[in-house]
Amino acid sequence: MRKKVVSFQLLVVSLLFLLFSVSHAQTISSTELINNAKLYDGKTVVYEGEVIGDIMVRGEFCWININDGKNAIGIWLHKDLTKDILYTGSYKSKGDWVQITGLFQRACPQHGGDLDIHAQVIRKISPGRPTQESLNLSKRNLAFVLLGILCLVLILRQLKLR
């Protein structure tokens, strides 16, 4: 009985350690990955950023692009991992902010030598939202003033030619 309790305690401690190490893994910036691609090549990395563009499905897998504010990196993942992604960044919305854990490849042989990450785990950090572009009223007013000046110049030019 004592052996089972000790085994159970070891199992719980191992799981807690694993959860703690995964949830607090140090994220790596796109700049760090690009500038030190040889160092990270073939290693598991944690990268986070906004999902931008479209989710491009290719059979059972798909591509997404993640932008951390500096650069975007292509992520190859199973399409089931994208089920929680509701918004992708565009003119009409701010994309979901996600954390990717996966295998970094500086020249992926499967994808034509491109730099990418083959995701194993994806975790949504914060949800995206629709955005609405607001009209800059001062720019609109300036455009109307310039249009008026242009019309005035054209009228004066026509009068001068007569």
N, C-alpha and C. Protein backbone atom coordinates (compact mmCIF):
# COMPACT_ATOMS: atom_id res chain seq x y z
N MET A 1 0.82 -1.19 0.00
CA MET A 1 0.00 0.00 0.00
C MET A 1 0.87 1.26 0.00
N ARG A 2 1.90 1.25 0.81
CA ARG A 2 2.81 2.40 0.89
C ARG A 2 3.48 2.64 -0.46
N LYS A 3 3.79 1.58 -1.16
CA LYS A 3 4.43 1.68 -2.48
C LYS A 3 3.50 2.39 -3.47
N LYS A 4 2.21 2.10 -3.40
CA LYS A 4 1.24 2.73 -4.29
C LYS A 4 1.11 4.23 -3.98
N VAL A 5 1.14 4.59 -2.72
CA VAL A 5 1.03 6.00 -2.32
C VAL A 5 2.24 6.77 -2.83
N VAL A 6 3.42 6.20 -2.65
CA VAL A 6 4.65 6.86 -3.11
C VAL A 6 4.64 6.98 -4.64
N SER A 7 4.19 5.96 -5.33
CA SER A 7 4.10 6.01 -6.79
C SER A 7 3.11 7.08 -7.24
N PHE A 8 1.98 7.16 -6.55
CA PHE A 8 0.99 8.17 -6.87
C PHE A 8 1.55 9.57 -6.64
N GLN A 9 2.24 9.76 -5.53
CA GLN A 9 2.84 11.07 -5.23
C GLN A 9 3.87 11.45 -6.30
N LEU A 10 4.68 10.50 -6.72
CA LEU A 10 5.66 10.77 -7.76
C LEU A 10 4.97 11.14 -9.08
N LEU A 11 3.88 10.45 -9.37
CA LEU A 11 3.13 10.74 -10.58
C LEU A 11 2.57 12.16 -10.53
N VAL A 12 1.99 12.54 -9.41
CA VAL A 12 1.41 13.88 -9.25
C VAL A 12 2.50 14.94 -9.37
N VAL A 13 3.62 14.74 -8.72
CA VAL A 13 4.72 15.71 -8.78
C VAL A 13 5.25 15.82 -10.21
N SER A 14 5.37 14.69 -10.90
CA SER A 14 5.84 14.70 -12.30
C SER A 14 4.88 15.47 -13.19
N LEU A 15 3.58 15.23 -13.02
CA LEU A 15 2.59 15.94 -13.82
C LEU A 15 2.61 17.44 -13.53
N LEU A 16 2.72 17.81 -12.26
CA LEU A 16 2.80 19.22 -11.91
C LEU A 16 4.04 19.87 -12.51
N PHE A 17 5.15 19.17 -12.46
CA PHE A 17 6.39 19.69 -13.05
C PHE A 17 6.23 19.87 -14.55
N LEU A 18 5.63 18.89 -15.19
CA LEU A 18 5.41 18.97 -16.63
C LEU A 18 4.49 20.12 -16.99
N LEU A 19 3.39 20.26 -16.27
CA LEU A 19 2.45 21.36 -16.53
C LEU A 19 3.11 22.71 -16.28
N PHE A 20 3.88 22.81 -15.21
CA PHE A 20 4.55 24.07 -14.89
C PHE A 20 5.57 24.42 -15.96
N SER A 21 6.33 23.45 -16.40
CA SER A 21 7.37 23.73 -17.41
C SER A 21 6.76 24.08 -18.76
N VAL A 22 5.64 23.46 -19.14
CA VAL A 22 5.01 23.76 -20.42
C VAL A 22 4.33 25.12 -20.38
N SER A 23 3.62 25.43 -19.30
CA SER A 23 2.86 26.67 -19.25
C SER A 23 3.75 27.89 -19.07
N HIS A 24 4.96 27.70 -18.55
CA HIS A 24 5.85 28.83 -18.33
C HIS A 24 7.08 28.78 -19.23
N ALA A 25 6.95 28.11 -20.36
CA ALA A 25 8.06 28.03 -21.30
C ALA A 25 8.35 29.42 -21.85
N GLN A 26 9.59 29.70 -22.07
CA GLN A 26 10.02 30.99 -22.58
C GLN A 26 9.69 31.10 -24.06
N THR A 27 8.91 32.11 -24.41
CA THR A 27 8.59 32.30 -25.82
C THR A 27 9.78 32.95 -26.53
N ILE A 28 9.92 32.63 -27.79
CA ILE A 28 11.02 33.14 -28.60
C ILE A 28 10.43 34.06 -29.66
N SER A 29 11.03 35.22 -29.85
CA SER A 29 10.53 36.18 -30.83
C SER A 29 10.88 35.73 -32.25
N SER A 30 10.16 36.28 -33.20
CA SER A 30 10.44 35.96 -34.60
C SER A 30 11.83 36.45 -35.00
N THR A 31 12.22 37.60 -34.48
CA THR A 31 13.54 38.13 -34.78
C THR A 31 14.63 37.20 -34.28
N GLU A 32 14.45 36.67 -33.08
CA GLU A 32 15.41 35.72 -32.51
C GLU A 32 15.47 34.45 -33.36
N LEU A 33 14.31 33.96 -33.78
CA LEU A 33 14.28 32.75 -34.61
C LEU A 33 14.93 32.97 -35.96
N ILE A 34 14.67 34.11 -36.58
CA ILE A 34 15.22 34.39 -37.91
C ILE A 34 16.73 34.63 -37.84
N ASN A 35 17.15 35.44 -36.86
CA ASN A 35 18.58 35.77 -36.76
C ASN A 35 19.44 34.60 -36.28
N ASN A 36 18.85 33.66 -35.55
CA ASN A 36 19.59 32.52 -35.02
C ASN A 36 18.98 31.21 -35.47
N ALA A 37 18.60 31.15 -36.73
CA ALA A 37 17.89 29.99 -37.27
C ALA A 37 18.70 28.71 -37.13
N LYS A 38 20.00 28.75 -37.30
CA LYS A 38 20.83 27.55 -37.17
C LYS A 38 20.79 27.00 -35.75
N LEU A 39 20.76 27.91 -34.78
CA LEU A 39 20.75 27.51 -33.37
C LEU A 39 19.46 26.77 -33.01
N TYR A 40 18.33 27.23 -33.54
CA TYR A 40 17.03 26.65 -33.19
C TYR A 40 16.57 25.55 -34.15
N ASP A 41 17.28 25.34 -35.24
CA ASP A 41 16.88 24.37 -36.25
C ASP A 41 16.70 22.98 -35.65
N GLY A 42 15.51 22.40 -35.87
CA GLY A 42 15.22 21.06 -35.40
C GLY A 42 14.85 20.98 -33.93
N LYS A 43 14.70 22.12 -33.27
CA LYS A 43 14.37 22.14 -31.84
C LYS A 43 12.93 22.56 -31.63
N THR A 44 12.38 22.14 -30.50
CA THR A 44 11.03 22.55 -30.13
C THR A 44 11.10 23.96 -29.56
N VAL A 45 10.27 24.84 -30.09
CA VAL A 45 10.24 26.24 -29.66
C VAL A 45 8.82 26.63 -29.27
N VAL A 46 8.73 27.72 -28.51
CA VAL A 46 7.44 28.30 -28.16
C VAL A 46 7.42 29.70 -28.75
N TYR A 47 6.42 29.96 -29.58
CA TYR A 47 6.31 31.22 -30.31
C TYR A 47 4.88 31.71 -30.16
N GLU A 48 4.70 33.02 -30.00
CA GLU A 48 3.33 33.51 -29.88
C GLU A 48 3.13 34.79 -30.67
N GLY A 49 1.88 34.99 -31.06
CA GLY A 49 1.54 36.19 -31.81
C GLY A 49 0.10 36.13 -32.30
N GLU A 50 -0.23 37.09 -33.16
CA GLU A 50 -1.58 37.21 -33.70
C GLU A 50 -1.71 36.37 -34.95
N VAL A 51 -2.80 35.64 -35.05
CA VAL A 51 -3.10 34.89 -36.27
C VAL A 51 -3.53 35.91 -37.32
N ILE A 52 -2.83 35.92 -38.46
CA ILE A 52 -3.16 36.88 -39.52
C ILE A 52 -3.45 36.15 -40.83
N GLY A 53 -4.16 36.81 -41.72
CA GLY A 53 -4.46 36.22 -43.02
C GLY A 53 -5.50 35.12 -42.92
N ASP A 54 -5.46 34.21 -43.86
CA ASP A 54 -6.43 33.12 -43.91
C ASP A 54 -5.85 31.84 -43.32
N ILE A 55 -6.75 30.95 -42.91
CA ILE A 55 -6.35 29.59 -42.54
C ILE A 55 -6.42 28.79 -43.84
N MET A 56 -5.26 28.35 -44.32
CA MET A 56 -5.17 27.71 -45.63
C MET A 56 -5.12 26.19 -45.45
N VAL A 57 -6.25 25.54 -45.65
CA VAL A 57 -6.37 24.10 -45.43
C VAL A 57 -5.76 23.35 -46.62
N ARG A 58 -4.95 22.34 -46.28
CA ARG A 58 -4.30 21.47 -47.27
C ARG A 58 -4.53 20.02 -46.83
N GLY A 59 -5.68 19.46 -47.18
CA GLY A 59 -6.01 18.11 -46.75
C GLY A 59 -6.29 18.08 -45.25
N GLU A 60 -5.57 17.23 -44.53
CA GLU A 60 -5.75 17.11 -43.08
C GLU A 60 -4.96 18.16 -42.30
N PHE A 61 -4.12 18.92 -42.99
CA PHE A 61 -3.29 19.93 -42.35
C PHE A 61 -3.63 21.30 -42.89
N CYS A 62 -3.03 22.33 -42.30
CA CYS A 62 -3.25 23.68 -42.80
C CYS A 62 -2.08 24.59 -42.41
N TRP A 63 -2.05 25.72 -43.07
CA TRP A 63 -1.07 26.78 -42.80
C TRP A 63 -1.79 27.92 -42.11
N ILE A 64 -1.13 28.50 -41.11
CA ILE A 64 -1.56 29.79 -40.57
C ILE A 64 -0.30 30.64 -40.44
N ASN A 65 -0.48 31.94 -40.44
CA ASN A 65 0.63 32.86 -40.23
C ASN A 65 0.45 33.54 -38.89
N ILE A 66 1.53 33.57 -38.12
CA ILE A 66 1.52 34.18 -36.80
C ILE A 66 2.48 35.36 -36.81
N ASN A 67 1.97 36.54 -36.46
CA ASN A 67 2.77 37.76 -36.43
C ASN A 67 2.93 38.20 -34.99
N ASP A 68 4.19 38.31 -34.55
CA ASP A 68 4.44 38.74 -33.17
C ASP A 68 4.63 40.24 -33.06
N GLY A 69 4.36 40.98 -34.11
CA GLY A 69 4.51 42.42 -34.10
C GLY A 69 5.73 42.88 -34.89
N LYS A 70 6.66 41.99 -35.13
CA LYS A 70 7.87 42.30 -35.90
C LYS A 70 7.86 41.58 -37.25
N ASN A 71 7.62 40.27 -37.21
CA ASN A 71 7.62 39.43 -38.41
C ASN A 71 6.52 38.39 -38.29
N ALA A 72 6.18 37.78 -39.41
CA ALA A 72 5.23 36.68 -39.41
C ALA A 72 5.97 35.39 -39.78
N ILE A 73 5.59 34.31 -39.12
CA ILE A 73 6.17 32.99 -39.40
C ILE A 73 5.04 32.04 -39.76
N GLY A 74 5.26 31.24 -40.79
CA GLY A 74 4.29 30.24 -41.21
C GLY A 74 4.29 29.06 -40.26
N ILE A 75 3.10 28.63 -39.90
CA ILE A 75 2.91 27.51 -38.97
C ILE A 75 2.15 26.42 -39.70
N TRP A 76 2.69 25.20 -39.69
CA TRP A 76 2.07 24.02 -40.30
C TRP A 76 1.49 23.21 -39.17
N LEU A 77 0.19 22.91 -39.22
CA LEU A 77 -0.45 22.18 -38.13
C LEU A 77 -1.63 21.38 -38.63
N HIS A 78 -2.04 20.42 -37.80
CA HIS A 78 -3.22 19.62 -38.13
C HIS A 78 -4.43 20.54 -38.06
N LYS A 79 -5.36 20.39 -39.00
CA LYS A 79 -6.49 21.32 -39.07
C LYS A 79 -7.38 21.28 -37.83
N ASP A 80 -7.37 20.18 -37.09
CA ASP A 80 -8.16 20.12 -35.85
C ASP A 80 -7.66 21.10 -34.80
N LEU A 81 -6.37 21.47 -34.87
CA LEU A 81 -5.82 22.41 -33.89
C LEU A 81 -6.31 23.83 -34.11
N THR A 82 -6.92 24.10 -35.26
CA THR A 82 -7.39 25.46 -35.56
C THR A 82 -8.85 25.68 -35.19
N LYS A 83 -9.50 24.70 -34.59
CA LYS A 83 -10.93 24.82 -34.33
C LYS A 83 -11.28 25.97 -33.38
N ASP A 84 -10.35 26.37 -32.52
CA ASP A 84 -10.61 27.45 -31.57
C ASP A 84 -10.28 28.84 -32.13
N ILE A 85 -9.69 28.89 -33.32
CA ILE A 85 -9.36 30.18 -33.91
C ILE A 85 -10.61 30.76 -34.56
N LEU A 86 -11.10 31.85 -34.00
CA LEU A 86 -12.33 32.47 -34.51
C LEU A 86 -12.04 33.68 -35.38
N TYR A 87 -10.98 34.43 -35.07
CA TYR A 87 -10.66 35.64 -35.82
C TYR A 87 -9.22 35.58 -36.32
N THR A 88 -9.05 35.97 -37.57
CA THR A 88 -7.71 36.13 -38.13
C THR A 88 -7.54 37.61 -38.47
N GLY A 89 -6.35 38.12 -38.25
CA GLY A 89 -6.10 39.54 -38.46
C GLY A 89 -6.27 39.96 -39.91
N SER A 90 -7.00 41.04 -40.11
CA SER A 90 -7.23 41.61 -41.43
C SER A 90 -7.68 43.05 -41.21
N TYR A 91 -8.15 43.69 -42.29
CA TYR A 91 -8.67 45.05 -42.14
C TYR A 91 -9.95 45.07 -41.32
N LYS A 92 -10.64 43.94 -41.29
CA LYS A 92 -11.93 43.90 -40.62
C LYS A 92 -11.88 43.34 -39.20
N SER A 93 -10.75 42.73 -38.81
CA SER A 93 -10.68 42.14 -37.47
C SER A 93 -9.25 42.07 -36.96
N LYS A 94 -9.16 42.01 -35.64
CA LYS A 94 -7.89 41.74 -34.97
C LYS A 94 -7.91 40.25 -34.68
N GLY A 95 -6.83 39.57 -35.04
CA GLY A 95 -6.80 38.12 -34.92
C GLY A 95 -6.60 37.63 -33.50
N ASP A 96 -6.95 36.37 -33.27
CA ASP A 96 -6.71 35.72 -31.98
C ASP A 96 -5.20 35.71 -31.70
N TRP A 97 -4.83 35.91 -30.43
CA TRP A 97 -3.43 35.84 -30.02
C TRP A 97 -3.21 34.42 -29.49
N VAL A 98 -2.27 33.70 -30.10
CA VAL A 98 -2.06 32.30 -29.75
C VAL A 98 -0.60 32.04 -29.39
N GLN A 99 -0.40 30.95 -28.68
CA GLN A 99 0.94 30.46 -28.36
C GLN A 99 1.11 29.11 -29.04
N ILE A 100 2.18 28.98 -29.81
CA ILE A 100 2.47 27.77 -30.57
C ILE A 100 3.67 27.08 -29.96
N THR A 101 3.56 25.78 -29.74
CA THR A 101 4.71 24.97 -29.36
C THR A 101 4.91 23.98 -30.50
N GLY A 102 6.11 23.98 -31.07
CA GLY A 102 6.33 23.10 -32.20
C GLY A 102 7.78 23.03 -32.62
N LEU A 103 8.01 22.25 -33.66
CA LEU A 103 9.36 22.00 -34.17
C LEU A 103 9.72 23.09 -35.19
N PHE A 104 10.77 23.83 -34.90
CA PHE A 104 11.25 24.90 -35.78
C PHE A 104 12.17 24.31 -36.84
N GLN A 105 11.96 24.72 -38.09
CA GLN A 105 12.83 24.28 -39.18
C GLN A 105 13.23 25.49 -40.00
N ARG A 106 14.52 25.72 -40.10
CA ARG A 106 14.99 26.89 -40.85
C ARG A 106 14.90 26.68 -42.35
N ALA A 107 14.92 25.43 -42.81
CA ALA A 107 14.78 25.10 -44.24
C ALA A 107 14.03 23.78 -44.33
N CYS A 108 12.73 23.85 -44.20
CA CYS A 108 11.90 22.65 -44.14
C CYS A 108 11.93 21.90 -45.48
N PRO A 109 12.40 20.64 -45.47
CA PRO A 109 12.46 19.87 -46.72
C PRO A 109 11.06 19.52 -47.24
N GLN A 110 10.09 19.45 -46.35
CA GLN A 110 8.72 19.11 -46.73
C GLN A 110 8.02 20.28 -47.44
N HIS A 111 8.48 21.51 -47.17
CA HIS A 111 7.81 22.70 -47.70
C HIS A 111 8.74 23.58 -48.52
N GLY A 112 9.55 22.96 -49.35
CA GLY A 112 10.35 23.70 -50.31
C GLY A 112 11.48 24.52 -49.73
N GLY A 113 11.95 24.17 -48.55
CA GLY A 113 13.08 24.89 -47.95
C GLY A 113 12.70 26.15 -47.21
N ASP A 114 11.41 26.34 -46.95
CA ASP A 114 10.98 27.54 -46.23
C ASP A 114 11.20 27.39 -44.74
N LEU A 115 11.37 28.53 -44.07
CA LEU A 115 11.44 28.58 -42.62
C LEU A 115 10.02 28.43 -42.08
N ASP A 116 9.80 27.48 -41.18
CA ASP A 116 8.47 27.30 -40.61
C ASP A 116 8.53 26.61 -39.26
N ILE A 117 7.37 26.50 -38.64
CA ILE A 117 7.22 25.76 -37.39
C ILE A 117 6.13 24.73 -37.61
N HIS A 118 6.41 23.48 -37.27
CA HIS A 118 5.41 22.42 -37.32
C HIS A 118 4.82 22.33 -35.92
N ALA A 119 3.60 22.86 -35.76
CA ALA A 119 2.98 22.98 -34.45
C ALA A 119 2.54 21.63 -33.91
N GLN A 120 2.78 21.44 -32.63
CA GLN A 120 2.30 20.27 -31.91
C GLN A 120 1.18 20.66 -30.96
N VAL A 121 1.28 21.88 -30.41
CA VAL A 121 0.29 22.39 -29.46
C VAL A 121 0.00 23.84 -29.82
N ILE A 122 -1.28 24.21 -29.76
CA ILE A 122 -1.66 25.61 -29.94
C ILE A 122 -2.57 25.98 -28.79
N ARG A 123 -2.32 27.16 -28.21
CA ARG A 123 -3.12 27.61 -27.07
C ARG A 123 -3.53 29.05 -27.31
N LYS A 124 -4.83 29.33 -27.23
CA LYS A 124 -5.30 30.69 -27.41
C LYS A 124 -5.04 31.47 -26.13
N ILE A 125 -4.34 32.59 -26.27
CA ILE A 125 -4.03 33.44 -25.12
C ILE A 125 -5.11 34.50 -24.94
N SER A 126 -5.51 35.13 -26.05
CA SER A 126 -6.60 36.09 -25.97
C SER A 126 -7.37 36.08 -27.30
N PRO A 127 -8.68 36.28 -27.22
CA PRO A 127 -9.50 36.21 -28.43
C PRO A 127 -9.36 37.48 -29.26
N GLY A 128 -9.58 37.32 -30.56
CA GLY A 128 -9.60 38.46 -31.46
C GLY A 128 -10.96 39.14 -31.40
N ARG A 129 -11.14 40.13 -32.27
CA ARG A 129 -12.41 40.85 -32.28
C ARG A 129 -12.57 41.58 -33.60
N PRO A 130 -13.80 41.84 -33.99
CA PRO A 130 -14.00 42.65 -35.20
C PRO A 130 -13.55 44.09 -34.93
N THR A 131 -13.05 44.74 -35.94
CA THR A 131 -12.66 46.15 -35.80
C THR A 131 -13.38 46.95 -36.86
N GLN A 132 -13.49 48.22 -36.59
CA GLN A 132 -14.13 49.08 -37.56
C GLN A 132 -13.20 50.27 -37.81
N GLU A 133 -12.89 50.46 -39.07
CA GLU A 133 -12.04 51.58 -39.45
C GLU A 133 -12.82 52.87 -39.25
N SER A 134 -12.19 53.83 -38.57
CA SER A 134 -12.85 55.12 -38.41
C SER A 134 -12.32 56.09 -39.45
N LEU A 135 -13.20 56.93 -39.93
CA LEU A 135 -12.84 57.90 -40.94
C LEU A 135 -12.11 59.06 -40.27
N ASN A 136 -10.95 59.43 -40.81
CA ASN A 136 -10.21 60.57 -40.30
C ASN A 136 -10.84 61.83 -40.90
N LEU A 137 -11.57 62.57 -40.06
CA LEU A 137 -12.33 63.71 -40.56
C LEU A 137 -11.44 64.83 -41.07
N SER A 138 -10.28 65.03 -40.45
CA SER A 138 -9.40 66.11 -40.92
C SER A 138 -8.85 65.80 -42.32
N LYS A 139 -8.56 64.53 -42.59
CA LYS A 139 -8.10 64.15 -43.93
C LYS A 139 -9.22 64.32 -44.95
N ARG A 140 -10.43 63.95 -44.56
CA ARG A 140 -11.57 64.12 -45.47
C ARG A 140 -11.79 65.59 -45.79
N ASN A 141 -11.73 66.44 -44.75
CA ASN A 141 -11.93 67.87 -44.96
C ASN A 141 -10.83 68.46 -45.84
N LEU A 142 -9.59 68.03 -45.63
CA LEU A 142 -8.48 68.50 -46.44
C LEU A 142 -8.68 68.09 -47.90
N ALA A 143 -9.16 66.89 -48.14
CA ALA A 143 -9.41 66.43 -49.51
C ALA A 143 -10.47 67.30 -50.18
N PHE A 144 -11.53 67.68 -49.46
CA PHE A 144 -12.56 68.55 -50.03
C PHE A 144 -12.01 69.94 -50.34
N VAL A 145 -11.17 70.48 -49.45
CA VAL A 145 -10.57 71.79 -49.68
C VAL A 145 -9.69 71.75 -50.93
N LEU A 146 -8.85 70.70 -51.03
CA LEU A 146 -7.97 70.57 -52.20
C LEU A 146 -8.78 70.37 -53.48
N LEU A 147 -9.87 69.63 -53.40
CA LEU A 147 -10.74 69.46 -54.56
C LEU A 147 -11.35 70.79 -54.98
N GLY A 148 -11.76 71.58 -54.01
CA GLY A 148 -12.30 72.92 -54.30
C GLY A 148 -11.26 73.81 -54.96
N ILE A 149 -10.02 73.78 -54.45
CA ILE A 149 -8.94 74.59 -55.04
C ILE A 149 -8.67 74.13 -56.46
N LEU A 150 -8.65 72.83 -56.69
CA LEU A 150 -8.43 72.30 -58.04
C LEU A 150 -9.52 72.77 -59.00
N CYS A 151 -10.76 72.72 -58.56
CA CYS A 151 -11.88 73.18 -59.41
C CYS A 151 -11.73 74.67 -59.71
N LEU A 152 -11.35 75.46 -58.71
CA LEU A 152 -11.16 76.89 -58.89
C LEU A 152 -10.04 77.16 -59.89
N VAL A 153 -8.93 76.43 -59.79
CA VAL A 153 -7.81 76.59 -60.72
C VAL A 153 -8.24 76.23 -62.14
N LEU A 154 -9.00 75.16 -62.31
CA LEU A 154 -9.48 74.76 -63.64
C LEU A 154 -10.41 75.81 -64.23
N ILE A 155 -11.30 76.38 -63.42
CA ILE A 155 -12.22 77.42 -63.90
C ILE A 155 -11.44 78.66 -64.31
N LEU A 156 -10.48 79.08 -63.48
CA LEU A 156 -9.68 80.26 -63.80
C LEU A 156 -8.84 80.03 -65.05
N ARG A 157 -8.35 78.85 -65.24
CA ARG A 157 -7.55 78.51 -66.44
C ARG A 157 -8.42 78.61 -67.69
N GLN A 158 -9.65 78.10 -67.62
CA GLN A 158 -10.56 78.17 -68.76
C GLN A 158 -10.91 79.61 -69.09
N LEU A 159 -11.11 80.44 -68.05
CA LEU A 159 -11.44 81.84 -68.27
C LEU A 159 -10.26 82.60 -68.90
N LYS A 160 -9.05 82.24 -68.50
CA LYS A 160 -7.85 82.89 -69.02
C LYS A 160 -7.62 82.55 -70.49
N LEU A 161 -7.96 81.30 -70.88
CA LEU A 161 -7.79 80.87 -72.26
C LEU A 161 -8.77 81.54 -73.22
N ARG A 162 -9.88 82.03 -72.76
CA ARG A 162 -10.89 82.67 -73.60
C ARG A 162 -10.50 84.04 -73.90
